[in-house]
PDB file of N, CA and C in Angstrom:
ATOM      1  N   UNK A   1       9.830  -4.517 -22.390  1.00  0.00           N
ATOM      2  CA  UNK A   1       8.495  -4.053 -22.729  1.00  0.00           C
ATOM      3  C   UNK A   1       8.002  -3.018 -21.718  1.00  0.00           C
ATOM      4  N   UNK A   2       8.400  -3.171 -20.460  1.00  0.00           N
ATOM      5  CA  UNK A   2       7.962  -2.229 -19.440  1.00  0.00           C
ATOM      6  C   UNK A   2       8.433  -0.815 -19.766  1.00  0.00           C
ATOM      7  N   UNK A   3       9.648  -0.663 -20.277  1.00  0.00           N
ATOM      8  CA  UNK A   3      10.139   0.673 -20.622  1.00  0.00           C
ATOM      9  C   UNK A   3       9.331   1.267 -21.767  1.00  0.00           C
ATOM     10  N   UNK A   4       8.908   0.427 -22.713  1.00  0.00           N
ATOM     11  CA  UNK A   4       8.052   0.904 -23.795  1.00  0.00           C
ATOM     12  C   UNK A   4       6.712   1.369 -23.256  1.00  0.00           C
ATOM     13  N   UNK A   5       6.170   0.634 -22.299  1.00  0.00           N
ATOM     14  CA  UNK A   5       4.891   1.015 -21.690  1.00  0.00           C
ATOM     15  C   UNK A   5       5.032   2.303 -20.893  1.00  0.00           C
ATOM     16  N   UNK A   6       6.147   2.460 -20.189  1.00  0.00           N
ATOM     17  CA  UNK A   6       6.375   3.701 -19.451  1.00  0.00           C
ATOM     18  C   UNK A   6       6.481   4.886 -20.405  1.00  0.00           C
ATOM     19  N   UNK A   7       7.130   4.687 -21.540  1.00  0.00           N
ATOM     20  CA  UNK A   7       7.226   5.755 -22.539  1.00  0.00           C
ATOM     21  C   UNK A   7       5.842   6.091 -23.094  1.00  0.00           C
ATOM     22  N   UNK A   8       5.034   5.062 -23.356  1.00  0.00           N
ATOM     23  CA  UNK A   8       3.664   5.277 -23.829  1.00  0.00           C
ATOM     24  C   UNK A   8       2.872   6.064 -22.798  1.00  0.00           C
ATOM     25  N   UNK A   9       2.981   5.668 -21.535  1.00  0.00           N
ATOM     26  CA  UNK A   9       2.247   6.361 -20.469  1.00  0.00           C
ATOM     27  C   UNK A   9       2.714   7.804 -20.326  1.00  0.00           C
ATOM     28  N   UNK A  10       4.021   8.032 -20.436  1.00  0.00           N
ATOM     29  CA  UNK A  10       4.542   9.398 -20.348  1.00  0.00           C
ATOM     30  C   UNK A  10       3.978  10.251 -21.478  1.00  0.00           C
ATOM     31  N   UNK A  11       3.840   9.663 -22.663  1.00  0.00           N
ATOM     32  CA  UNK A  11       3.251  10.380 -23.788  1.00  0.00           C
ATOM     33  C   UNK A  11       1.794  10.726 -23.545  1.00  0.00           C
ATOM     34  N   UNK A  12       1.043   9.780 -22.997  1.00  0.00           N
ATOM     35  CA  UNK A  12      -0.366  10.026 -22.683  1.00  0.00           C
ATOM     36  C   UNK A  12      -0.481  11.102 -21.605  1.00  0.00           C
ATOM     37  N   UNK A  13       0.366  11.017 -20.588  1.00  0.00           N
ATOM     38  CA  UNK A  13       0.358  12.026 -19.534  1.00  0.00           C
ATOM     39  C   UNK A  13       0.623  13.415 -20.115  1.00  0.00           C
ATOM     40  N   UNK A  14       1.583  13.492 -21.017  1.00  0.00           N
ATOM     41  CA  UNK A  14       1.916  14.764 -21.653  1.00  0.00           C
ATOM     42  C   UNK A  14       0.716  15.297 -22.442  1.00  0.00           C
ATOM     43  N   UNK A  15       0.041  14.406 -23.176  1.00  0.00           N
ATOM     44  CA  UNK A  15      -1.149  14.802 -23.942  1.00  0.00           C
ATOM     45  C   UNK A  15      -2.238  15.356 -23.025  1.00  0.00           C
ATOM     46  N   UNK A  16      -2.334  14.806 -21.822  1.00  0.00           N
ATOM     47  CA  UNK A  16      -3.354  15.219 -20.867  1.00  0.00           C
ATOM     48  C   UNK A  16      -2.919  16.409 -20.013  1.00  0.00           C
ATOM     49  N   UNK A  17      -1.711  16.901 -20.222  1.00  0.00           N
ATOM     50  CA  UNK A  17      -1.239  18.055 -19.478  1.00  0.00           C
ATOM     51  C   UNK A  17      -0.567  17.726 -18.158  1.00  0.00           C
ATOM     52  N   UNK A  18      -0.158  16.474 -17.980  1.00  0.00           N
ATOM     53  CA  UNK A  18       0.530  16.039 -16.768  1.00  0.00           C
ATOM     54  C   UNK A  18       1.990  15.743 -17.086  1.00  0.00           C
ATOM     55  N   UNK A  19       2.747  16.741 -17.446  1.00  0.00           N
ATOM     56  CA  UNK A  19       4.146  16.528 -17.820  1.00  0.00           C
ATOM     57  C   UNK A  19       4.969  16.129 -16.591  1.00  0.00           C
ATOM     58  N   UNK A  20       5.827  15.149 -16.783  1.00  0.00           N
ATOM     59  CA  UNK A  20       6.725  14.704 -15.713  1.00  0.00           C
ATOM     60  C   UNK A  20       7.977  15.573 -15.714  1.00  0.00           C
ATOM     61  N   UNK A  21       8.437  15.938 -14.546  1.00  0.00           N
ATOM     62  CA  UNK A  21       9.680  16.697 -14.440  1.00  0.00           C
ATOM     63  C   UNK A  21      10.843  15.819 -14.897  1.00  0.00           C
ATOM     64  N   UNK A  22      11.872  16.445 -15.404  1.00  0.00           N
ATOM     65  CA  UNK A  22      13.017  15.710 -15.955  1.00  0.00           C
ATOM     66  C   UNK A  22      13.704  14.834 -14.912  1.00  0.00           C
ATOM     67  N   UNK A  23      13.668  15.244 -13.643  1.00  0.00           N
ATOM     68  CA  UNK A  23      14.375  14.485 -12.613  1.00  0.00           C
ATOM     69  C   UNK A  23      13.504  13.413 -11.950  1.00  0.00           C
ATOM     70  N   UNK A  24      12.290  13.214 -12.470  1.00  0.00           N
ATOM     71  CA  UNK A  24      11.359  12.237 -11.900  1.00  0.00           C
ATOM     72  C   UNK A  24      11.559  10.887 -12.582  1.00  0.00           C
ATOM     73  N   UNK A  25      11.574   9.832 -11.790  1.00  0.00           N
ATOM     74  CA  UNK A  25      11.634   8.476 -12.332  1.00  0.00           C
ATOM     75  C   UNK A  25      10.186   8.037 -12.553  1.00  0.00           C
ATOM     76  N   UNK A  26       9.747   7.931 -13.821  1.00  0.00           N
ATOM     77  CA  UNK A  26       8.337   7.645 -14.096  1.00  0.00           C
ATOM     78  C   UNK A  26       7.801   6.403 -13.401  1.00  0.00           C
ATOM     79  N   UNK A  27       8.606   5.370 -13.278  1.00  0.00           N
ATOM     80  CA  UNK A  27       8.137   4.120 -12.689  1.00  0.00           C
ATOM     81  C   UNK A  27       7.739   4.272 -11.225  1.00  0.00           C
ATOM     82  N   UNK A  28       8.251   5.302 -10.553  1.00  0.00           N
ATOM     83  CA  UNK A  28       8.007   5.478  -9.123  1.00  0.00           C
ATOM     84  C   UNK A  28       6.886   6.473  -8.807  1.00  0.00           C
ATOM     85  N   UNK A  29       6.340   7.123  -9.824  1.00  0.00           N
ATOM     86  CA  UNK A  29       5.322   8.153  -9.620  1.00  0.00           C
ATOM     87  C   UNK A  29       3.944   7.510  -9.476  1.00  0.00           C
ATOM     88  N   UNK A  30       3.196   7.948  -8.453  1.00  0.00           N
ATOM     89  CA  UNK A  30       1.821   7.468  -8.292  1.00  0.00           C
ATOM     90  C   UNK A  30       0.869   8.439  -8.989  1.00  0.00           C
ATOM     91  N   UNK A  31      -0.330   7.961  -9.236  1.00  0.00           N
ATOM     92  CA  UNK A  31      -1.332   8.825  -9.844  1.00  0.00           C
ATOM     93  C   UNK A  31      -1.726   9.955  -8.894  1.00  0.00           C
ATOM     94  N   UNK A  32      -1.686   9.698  -7.599  1.00  0.00           N
ATOM     95  CA  UNK A  32      -1.961  10.746  -6.614  1.00  0.00           C
ATOM     96  C   UNK A  32      -0.917  11.856  -6.702  1.00  0.00           C
ATOM     97  N   UNK A  33       0.352  11.480  -6.868  1.00  0.00           N
ATOM     98  CA  UNK A  33       1.413  12.485  -6.988  1.00  0.00           C
ATOM     99  C   UNK A  33       1.243  13.342  -8.239  1.00  0.00           C
ATOM    100  N   UNK A  34       0.637  12.764  -9.257  1.00  0.00           N
ATOM    101  CA  UNK A  34       0.377  13.512 -10.488  1.00  0.00           C
ATOM    102  C   UNK A  34      -0.840  14.422 -10.367  1.00  0.00           C
ATOM    103  N   UNK A  35      -1.615  14.236  -9.293  1.00  0.00           N
ATOM    104  CA  UNK A  35      -2.798  15.059  -9.089  1.00  0.00           C
ATOM    105  C   UNK A  35      -4.053  14.503  -9.747  1.00  0.00           C
ATOM    106  N   UNK A  36      -4.047  13.213 -10.041  1.00  0.00           N
ATOM    107  CA  UNK A  36      -5.210  12.587 -10.676  1.00  0.00           C
ATOM    108  C   UNK A  36      -6.361  12.460  -9.682  1.00  0.00           C
ATOM    109  N   UNK A  37      -7.564  12.780 -10.154  1.00  0.00           N
ATOM    110  CA  UNK A  37      -8.762  12.431  -9.406  1.00  0.00           C
ATOM    111  C   UNK A  37      -9.332  11.169 -10.047  1.00  0.00           C
ATOM    112  N   UNK A  38     -10.458  10.686  -9.577  1.00  0.00           N
ATOM    113  CA  UNK A  38     -10.994   9.415 -10.077  1.00  0.00           C
ATOM    114  C   UNK A  38     -11.371   9.501 -11.555  1.00  0.00           C
ATOM    115  N   UNK A  39     -11.872  10.637 -12.010  1.00  0.00           N
ATOM    116  CA  UNK A  39     -12.243  10.786 -13.413  1.00  0.00           C
ATOM    117  C   UNK A  39     -11.001  10.800 -14.304  1.00  0.00           C
ATOM    118  N   UNK A  40      -9.969  11.510 -13.895  1.00  0.00           N
ATOM    119  CA  UNK A  40      -8.727  11.556 -14.668  1.00  0.00           C
ATOM    120  C   UNK A  40      -8.103  10.164 -14.766  1.00  0.00           C
ATOM    121  N   UNK A  41      -8.159   9.414 -13.678  1.00  0.00           N
ATOM    122  CA  UNK A  41      -7.615   8.057 -13.685  1.00  0.00           C
ATOM    123  C   UNK A  41      -8.403   7.176 -14.650  1.00  0.00           C
ATOM    124  N   UNK A  42      -9.711   7.270 -14.617  1.00  0.00           N
ATOM    125  CA  UNK A  42     -10.552   6.486 -15.516  1.00  0.00           C
ATOM    126  C   UNK A  42     -10.255   6.836 -16.972  1.00  0.00           C
ATOM    127  N   UNK A  43     -10.142   8.117 -17.285  1.00  0.00           N
ATOM    128  CA  UNK A  43      -9.819   8.543 -18.654  1.00  0.00           C
ATOM    129  C   UNK A  43      -8.458   8.009 -19.083  1.00  0.00           C
ATOM    130  N   UNK A  44      -7.491   8.061 -18.179  1.00  0.00           N
ATOM    131  CA  UNK A  44      -6.155   7.559 -18.486  1.00  0.00           C
ATOM    132  C   UNK A  44      -6.200   6.063 -18.783  1.00  0.00           C
ATOM    133  N   UNK A  45      -6.921   5.318 -17.975  1.00  0.00           N
ATOM    134  CA  UNK A  45      -7.020   3.870 -18.184  1.00  0.00           C
ATOM    135  C   UNK A  45      -7.750   3.539 -19.486  1.00  0.00           C
ATOM    136  N   UNK A  46      -8.706   4.362 -19.871  1.00  0.00           N
ATOM    137  CA  UNK A  46      -9.393   4.155 -21.148  1.00  0.00           C
ATOM    138  C   UNK A  46      -8.423   4.375 -22.316  1.00  0.00           C
ATOM    139  N   UNK A  47      -7.565   5.373 -22.198  1.00  0.00           N
ATOM    140  CA  UNK A  47      -6.556   5.612 -23.236  1.00  0.00           C
ATOM    141  C   UNK A  47      -5.545   4.471 -23.293  1.00  0.00           C
ATOM    142  N   UNK A  48      -5.167   3.950 -22.138  1.00  0.00           N
ATOM    143  CA  UNK A  48      -4.269   2.792 -22.103  1.00  0.00           C
ATOM    144  C   UNK A  48      -4.913   1.614 -22.827  1.00  0.00           C
ATOM    145  N   UNK A  49      -6.184   1.378 -22.569  1.00  0.00           N
ATOM    146  CA  UNK A  49      -6.927   0.295 -23.218  1.00  0.00           C
ATOM    147  C   UNK A  49      -6.933   0.490 -24.727  1.00  0.00           C
ATOM    148  N   UNK A  50      -7.229   1.707 -25.177  1.00  0.00           N
ATOM    149  CA  UNK A  50      -7.272   1.996 -26.618  1.00  0.00           C
ATOM    150  C   UNK A  50      -5.929   1.736 -27.288  1.00  0.00           C
ATOM    151  N   UNK A  51      -4.849   2.068 -26.609  1.00  0.00           N
ATOM    152  CA  UNK A  51      -3.523   1.993 -27.241  1.00  0.00           C
ATOM    153  C   UNK A  51      -2.804   0.669 -27.044  1.00  0.00           C
ATOM    154  N   UNK A  52      -3.200  -0.089 -26.035  1.00  0.00           N
ATOM    155  CA  UNK A  52      -2.514  -1.366 -25.789  1.00  0.00           C
ATOM    156  C   UNK A  52      -3.417  -2.569 -26.002  1.00  0.00           C
ATOM    157  N   UNK A  53      -4.726  -2.339 -25.967  1.00  0.00           N
ATOM    158  CA  UNK A  53      -5.665  -3.454 -26.071  1.00  0.00           C
ATOM    159  C   UNK A  53      -5.840  -4.202 -24.766  1.00  0.00           C
ATOM    160  N   UNK A  54      -5.267  -3.672 -23.679  1.00  0.00           N
ATOM    161  CA  UNK A  54      -5.369  -4.304 -22.369  1.00  0.00           C
ATOM    162  C   UNK A  54      -6.290  -3.451 -21.506  1.00  0.00           C
ATOM    163  N   UNK A  55      -7.368  -4.070 -21.033  1.00  0.00           N
ATOM    164  CA  UNK A  55      -8.311  -3.358 -20.179  1.00  0.00           C
ATOM    165  C   UNK A  55      -7.891  -3.480 -18.722  1.00  0.00           C
ATOM    166  N   UNK A  56      -7.709  -2.339 -18.096  1.00  0.00           N
ATOM    167  CA  UNK A  56      -7.366  -2.276 -16.680  1.00  0.00           C
ATOM    168  C   UNK A  56      -8.417  -1.392 -16.024  1.00  0.00           C
ATOM    169  N   UNK A  57      -8.955  -1.844 -14.912  1.00  0.00           N
ATOM    170  CA  UNK A  57     -10.035  -1.103 -14.267  1.00  0.00           C
ATOM    171  C   UNK A  57      -9.562  -0.404 -13.000  1.00  0.00           C
ATOM    172  N   UNK A  58     -10.403   0.503 -12.522  1.00  0.00           N
ATOM    173  CA  UNK A  58     -10.097   1.203 -11.276  1.00  0.00           C
ATOM    174  C   UNK A  58     -10.280   0.301 -10.066  1.00  0.00           C
ATOM    175  N   UNK A  59     -10.764  -0.916 -10.277  1.00  0.00           N
ATOM    176  CA  UNK A  59     -10.797  -1.899  -9.193  1.00  0.00           C
ATOM    177  C   UNK A  59      -9.384  -2.381  -8.876  1.00  0.00           C
ATOM    178  N   UNK A  60      -8.522  -2.349  -9.877  1.00  0.00           N
ATOM    179  CA  UNK A  60      -7.152  -2.844  -9.740  1.00  0.00           C
ATOM    180  C   UNK A  60      -6.161  -1.691  -9.564  1.00  0.00           C
ATOM    181  N   UNK A  61      -6.406  -0.593 -10.263  1.00  0.00           N
ATOM    182  CA  UNK A  61      -5.503   0.554 -10.227  1.00  0.00           C
ATOM    183  C   UNK A  61      -6.147   1.662  -9.398  1.00  0.00           C
ATOM    184  N   UNK A  62      -5.406   2.169  -8.427  1.00  0.00           N
ATOM    185  CA  UNK A  62      -5.897   3.246  -7.566  1.00  0.00           C
ATOM    186  C   UNK A  62      -4.976   4.458  -7.692  1.00  0.00           C
ATOM    187  N   UNK A  63      -5.294   5.491  -6.975  1.00  0.00           N
ATOM    188  CA  UNK A  63      -4.460   6.693  -7.004  1.00  0.00           C
ATOM    189  C   UNK A  63      -3.071   6.430  -6.420  1.00  0.00           C
ATOM    190  N   UNK A  64      -2.933   5.383  -5.624  1.00  0.00           N
ATOM    191  CA  UNK A  64      -1.641   5.052  -5.027  1.00  0.00           C
ATOM    192  C   UNK A  64      -0.811   4.088  -5.877  1.00  0.00           C
ATOM    193  N   UNK A  65      -1.348   3.645  -6.997  1.00  0.00           N
ATOM    194  CA  UNK A  65      -0.614   2.777  -7.923  1.00  0.00           C
ATOM    195  C   UNK A  65       0.459   3.599  -8.627  1.00  0.00           C
ATOM    196  N   UNK A  66       1.640   3.033  -8.779  1.00  0.00           N
ATOM    197  CA  UNK A  66       2.701   3.724  -9.524  1.00  0.00           C
ATOM    198  C   UNK A  66       2.586   3.393 -11.001  1.00  0.00           C
ATOM    199  N   UNK A  67       3.211   4.226 -11.814  1.00  0.00           N
ATOM    200  CA  UNK A  67       3.232   3.950 -13.249  1.00  0.00           C
ATOM    201  C   UNK A  67       3.958   2.642 -13.529  1.00  0.00           C
ATOM    202  N   UNK A  68       4.988   2.352 -12.755  1.00  0.00           N
ATOM    203  CA  UNK A  68       5.722   1.098 -12.913  1.00  0.00           C
ATOM    204  C   UNK A  68       4.860  -0.114 -12.605  1.00  0.00           C
ATOM    205  N   UNK A  69       4.056  -0.007 -11.558  1.00  0.00           N
ATOM    206  CA  UNK A  69       3.148  -1.107 -11.218  1.00  0.00           C
ATOM    207  C   UNK A  69       2.113  -1.315 -12.321  1.00  0.00           C
ATOM    208  N   UNK A  70       1.602  -0.220 -12.867  1.00  0.00           N
ATOM    209  CA  UNK A  70       0.638  -0.334 -13.963  1.00  0.00           C
ATOM    210  C   UNK A  70       1.305  -0.937 -15.197  1.00  0.00           C
ATOM    211  N   UNK A  71       2.511  -0.522 -15.507  1.00  0.00           N
ATOM    212  CA  UNK A  71       3.220  -1.075 -16.665  1.00  0.00           C
ATOM    213  C   UNK A  71       3.431  -2.581 -16.491  1.00  0.00           C
ATOM    214  N   UNK A  72       3.803  -3.007 -15.290  1.00  0.00           N
ATOM    215  CA  UNK A  72       4.000  -4.438 -15.018  1.00  0.00           C
ATOM    216  C   UNK A  72       2.690  -5.196 -15.162  1.00  0.00           C
ATOM    217  N   UNK A  73       1.608  -4.617 -14.691  1.00  0.00           N
ATOM    218  CA  UNK A  73       0.299  -5.252 -14.797  1.00  0.00           C
ATOM    219  C   UNK A  73      -0.119  -5.411 -16.254  1.00  0.00           C
ATOM    220  N   UNK A  74       0.074  -4.367 -17.050  1.00  0.00           N
ATOM    221  CA  UNK A  74      -0.273  -4.428 -18.471  1.00  0.00           C
ATOM    222  C   UNK A  74       0.587  -5.456 -19.175  1.00  0.00           C
ATOM    223  N   UNK A  75       1.870  -5.466 -18.872  1.00  0.00           N
ATOM    224  CA  UNK A  75       2.796  -6.415 -19.477  1.00  0.00           C
ATOM    225  C   UNK A  75       2.385  -7.849 -19.136  1.00  0.00           C
ATOM    226  N   UNK A  76       2.002  -8.067 -17.900  1.00  0.00           N
ATOM    227  CA  UNK A  76       1.579  -9.390 -17.450  1.00  0.00           C
ATOM    228  C   UNK A  76       0.297  -9.819 -18.161  1.00  0.00           C
ATOM    229  N   UNK A  77      -0.661  -8.915 -18.282  1.00  0.00           N
ATOM    230  CA  UNK A  77      -1.949  -9.251 -18.897  1.00  0.00           C
ATOM    231  C   UNK A  77      -1.838  -9.446 -20.405  1.00  0.00           C
ATOM    232  N   UNK A  78      -0.855  -8.800 -21.034  1.00  0.00           N
ATOM    233  CA  UNK A  78      -0.726  -8.939 -22.480  1.00  0.00           C
ATOM    234  C   UNK A  78       0.146 -10.113 -22.880  1.00  0.00           C
ATOM    235  N   UNK A  79       0.778 -10.764 -21.902  1.00  0.00           N
ATOM    236  CA  UNK A  79       1.658 -11.908 -22.200  1.00  0.00           C
ATOM    237  C   UNK A  79       0.872 -13.165 -22.493  1.00  0.00           C
TER     238      UNK A  79
END
């Protein structure tokens, strides 16, 4: 399920104009490395909520959170 969530997140990132380079491992990328500010992070988390039904807040996810950590958190909360 985590790989499905990473694919979903990569799609959302692409929609928002944050394309990942081909040689990047998505699970290891932080939001800071993507250039997210607090508003971009909030918008991203709102899209995650809309598409997965799992609400994740900026209290839990920060700019230093990796996509893999977020995927694990969503997977855990949806179980």
